[in-house]
Protein backbone atom coordinates (compact mmCIF):
# COMPACT_ATOMS: atom_id res chain seq x y z
CA MET A 1 -34.50 38.82 10.61
CA GLU A 2 -31.23 38.53 12.47
CA ASP A 3 -31.92 34.86 13.19
CA VAL A 4 -32.42 34.14 9.50
CA ALA A 5 -29.23 36.01 8.55
CA GLY A 6 -27.34 34.34 11.37
CA SER A 7 -28.46 30.86 10.40
CA SER A 8 -27.87 31.44 6.67
CA GLY A 9 -24.39 32.83 7.47
CA SER A 10 -23.70 29.73 9.51
CA MET A 11 -24.91 27.54 6.64
CA MET A 12 -22.64 29.41 4.22
CA ARG A 13 -19.63 28.88 6.51
CA ASP A 14 -20.50 25.19 6.86
CA ALA A 15 -20.80 24.82 3.09
CA ALA A 16 -17.51 26.66 2.54
CA SER A 17 -15.84 24.51 5.18
CA THR A 18 -17.16 21.31 3.55
CA THR A 19 -15.98 22.48 0.11
CA THR A 20 -12.55 23.39 1.48
CA THR A 21 -12.24 20.08 3.35
CA SER A 22 -13.23 18.02 0.31
CA SER A 23 -10.91 19.94 -1.99
CA LEU A 24 -8.06 19.56 0.51
CA SER A 25 -8.62 15.82 0.86
CA SER A 26 -8.70 15.33 -2.90
CA TYR A 27 -5.57 17.49 -3.23
CA SER A 28 -3.73 15.63 -0.49
CA SER A 29 -4.60 12.20 -1.87
CA THR A 30 -2.91 12.99 -5.18
CA SER A 31 -0.18 15.28 -3.84
CA PHE A 32 1.52 12.58 -1.74
CA PHE A 33 2.77 10.88 -4.88
CA THR A 34 3.96 14.15 -6.39
CA ASN A 35 5.46 15.58 -3.19
CA TYR A 36 8.86 16.69 -4.49
CA PRO A 37 10.33 17.62 -1.07
CA LEU A 38 9.34 14.28 0.45
CA PHE A 39 10.74 12.26 -2.43
CA SER A 40 13.96 14.32 -2.50
CA ALA A 41 14.49 13.53 1.18
CA LEU A 42 13.73 9.81 0.75
CA ILE A 43 15.98 9.50 -2.30
CA ALA A 44 18.85 11.29 -0.52
CA PHE A 45 18.46 8.88 2.41
CA ALA A 46 18.45 5.85 0.10
CA ILE A 47 21.53 7.05 -1.79
CA ALA A 48 23.47 7.76 1.43
CA GLN A 49 22.65 4.36 2.90
CA SER A 50 23.53 2.65 -0.39
CA ILE A 51 26.90 4.41 -0.44
CA LYS A 52 27.61 3.08 3.06
CA PHE A 53 26.55 -0.43 2.00
CA PHE A 54 28.83 -0.50 -1.06
CA THR A 55 31.71 1.23 0.75
CA THR A 56 31.64 -1.48 3.42
CA TRP A 57 31.76 -4.15 0.71
CA TYR A 58 34.66 -2.39 -1.03
CA LYS A 59 36.70 -1.96 2.18
CA GLU A 60 35.91 -5.26 3.90
CA ARG A 61 34.88 -7.49 0.96
CA ARG A 62 31.70 -8.51 2.74
CA TRP A 63 28.07 -7.55 2.42
CA ASP A 64 26.69 -5.97 5.58
CA LEU A 65 22.93 -5.49 5.32
CA LYS A 66 22.95 -3.49 8.58
CA GLN A 67 24.57 -0.67 6.62
CA LEU A 68 21.30 -0.17 4.73
CA ILE A 69 19.50 0.91 7.90
CA GLY A 70 22.22 1.63 10.46
CA SER A 71 23.40 5.00 11.70
CA GLY A 72 26.91 6.41 11.58
CA GLY A 73 29.44 6.27 8.79
CA MET A 74 30.15 8.19 5.59
CA PRO A 75 28.08 10.04 4.42
CA SER A 76 25.58 11.02 7.08
CA SER A 77 22.18 9.87 5.83
CA HIS A 78 20.49 12.05 8.46
CA SER A 79 22.25 15.13 7.08
CA ALA A 80 21.50 14.12 3.49
CA THR A 81 17.82 13.62 4.30
CA VAL A 82 17.20 16.88 6.15
CA THR A 83 19.31 18.96 3.75
CA ALA A 84 17.45 17.52 0.75
CA LEU A 85 14.15 18.25 2.51
CA ALA A 86 15.08 21.85 3.37
CA ALA A 87 16.46 22.63 -0.09
CA ALA A 88 13.49 21.01 -1.84
CA VAL A 89 11.03 22.93 0.34
CA GLY A 90 12.93 26.10 -0.58
CA PHE A 91 12.80 25.34 -4.29
CA HIS A 92 9.15 24.28 -4.11
CA ASP A 93 7.65 26.88 -1.76
CA GLY A 94 10.28 29.63 -1.83
CA PHE A 95 13.18 30.39 0.46
CA GLY A 96 11.43 33.27 2.23
CA GLY A 97 8.54 31.44 3.83
CA SER A 98 7.82 29.62 7.05
CA PRO A 99 8.01 26.11 5.55
CA PHE A 100 11.63 26.66 4.48
CA ALA A 101 12.53 28.27 7.82
CA THR A 102 11.06 25.30 9.67
CA ALA A 103 12.89 22.78 7.46
CA LEU A 104 16.17 24.70 7.81
CA VAL A 105 15.98 24.82 11.61
CA LEU A 106 15.13 21.10 11.68
CA ALA A 107 18.15 20.39 9.44
CA CYS A 108 20.47 22.40 11.70
CA VAL A 109 19.26 20.62 14.84
CA VAL A 110 19.62 17.17 13.26
CA MET A 111 23.11 17.90 11.93
CA TYR A 112 24.26 19.39 15.23
CA ASP A 113 22.96 16.31 17.02
CA ALA A 114 24.72 14.01 14.54
CA PHE A 115 28.20 15.40 15.06
CA GLY A 116 27.73 16.62 18.59
CA VAL A 117 25.67 14.58 20.99
CA ARG A 118 25.55 11.28 19.05
CA LEU A 119 29.27 11.36 18.16
CA HIS A 120 30.22 11.79 21.81
CA ALA A 121 27.73 9.14 22.95
CA GLY A 122 29.45 6.72 20.54
CA ARG A 123 32.86 7.61 21.95
CA GLN A 124 31.58 7.01 25.47
CA ALA A 125 30.24 3.63 24.36
CA GLU A 126 33.74 2.70 23.14
CA VAL A 127 35.24 3.52 26.54
CA LEU A 128 32.51 1.66 28.43
CA ASN A 129 32.87 -1.39 26.18
CA GLN A 130 36.63 -1.42 26.86
CA ILE A 131 36.03 -1.20 30.61
CA VAL A 132 33.55 -4.10 30.50
CA TYR A 133 35.93 -6.13 28.33
CA GLU A 134 38.67 -5.78 30.96
CA LEU A 135 36.44 -6.91 33.84
CA PRO A 136 37.19 -10.28 35.41
CA ALA A 137 35.04 -13.15 34.10
CA GLU A 138 33.22 -13.55 37.44
CA HIS A 139 32.02 -9.92 37.44
CA PRO A 140 28.23 -9.65 36.83
CA LEU A 141 28.72 -7.17 33.94
CA ALA A 142 31.43 -9.21 32.21
CA GLU A 143 28.86 -11.00 30.03
CA SER A 144 26.82 -7.90 29.17
CA ARG A 145 26.15 -7.14 25.55
CA PRO A 146 28.46 -4.45 24.08
CA LEU A 147 27.02 -0.98 23.44
CA ARG A 148 26.71 0.31 19.89
CA GLU A 149 29.69 2.51 19.17
CA LEU A 150 28.92 3.86 15.72
CA LEU A 151 26.18 6.35 16.56
CA GLY A 152 27.25 9.77 15.35
CA HIS A 153 29.27 11.40 12.61
CA THR A 154 32.42 13.41 12.19
CA PRO A 155 32.00 16.91 10.77
CA THR A 156 33.32 15.62 7.41
CA GLN A 157 30.60 12.95 7.28
CA VAL A 158 27.93 15.54 8.09
CA ILE A 159 29.22 17.93 5.40
CA ALA A 160 29.35 15.09 2.84
CA GLY A 161 25.77 14.12 3.71
CA SER A 162 24.62 17.73 3.40
CA PHE A 163 26.31 18.04 0.01
CA LEU A 164 24.62 14.83 -1.16
CA GLY A 165 21.24 16.12 0.05
CA LEU A 166 21.70 19.46 -1.70
CA VAL A 167 22.69 17.80 -4.97
CA THR A 168 19.70 15.44 -4.72
CA ALA A 169 17.30 18.36 -4.19
CA ILE A 170 18.82 20.35 -7.07
CA VAL A 171 18.60 17.39 -9.47
CA GLY A 172 15.02 16.75 -8.33
CA HIS A 173 14.20 20.41 -8.85
CA PHE A 174 15.45 20.29 -12.46
CA ILE A 175 13.50 17.07 -13.11
CA VAL A 176 10.30 18.59 -11.72
CA ALA A 177 10.88 21.86 -13.60
CA SER A 178 11.48 20.05 -16.90
CA GLY A 179 8.30 17.99 -16.37
CA THR A 180 6.16 21.09 -15.93
CA ALA A 181 7.69 23.05 -18.80
């Protein structure tokens, strides 16, 4: 009797697992295109990079396509992206849960890295490039390619990116809320 109950219990778990898996896969296939936190983050990134692109044109009167994908500059697209993600997760899933806590910690780490480690690495690159530039022509490093200097962000650029990300998530939240009402 126990064998029959054990095998039927196992069959029930397998059936429940199959049902759960199929419902999750059908949910995930449609939810990607309606994933408000993901799209808030991507839109914030695109807006931040576009601002850099047009700001470069305005200041230098030249189009620099590298600004669409490059790092550094005003506003921080990294900060905009992770702030939009964290805020959107909070609006979507609630600010008291693990998903928001995870997104918030990720945002803090990324922003700290942007104006801490990466900013100082860029400043070191400036110094190293100057040293290499002053080397005599016969030195083996004299012809080396310069290091990228614009890597990190100032605190103002990080704050501006965070503000852009928050505004993007709030606007997205109102759009989503008006669509479901």
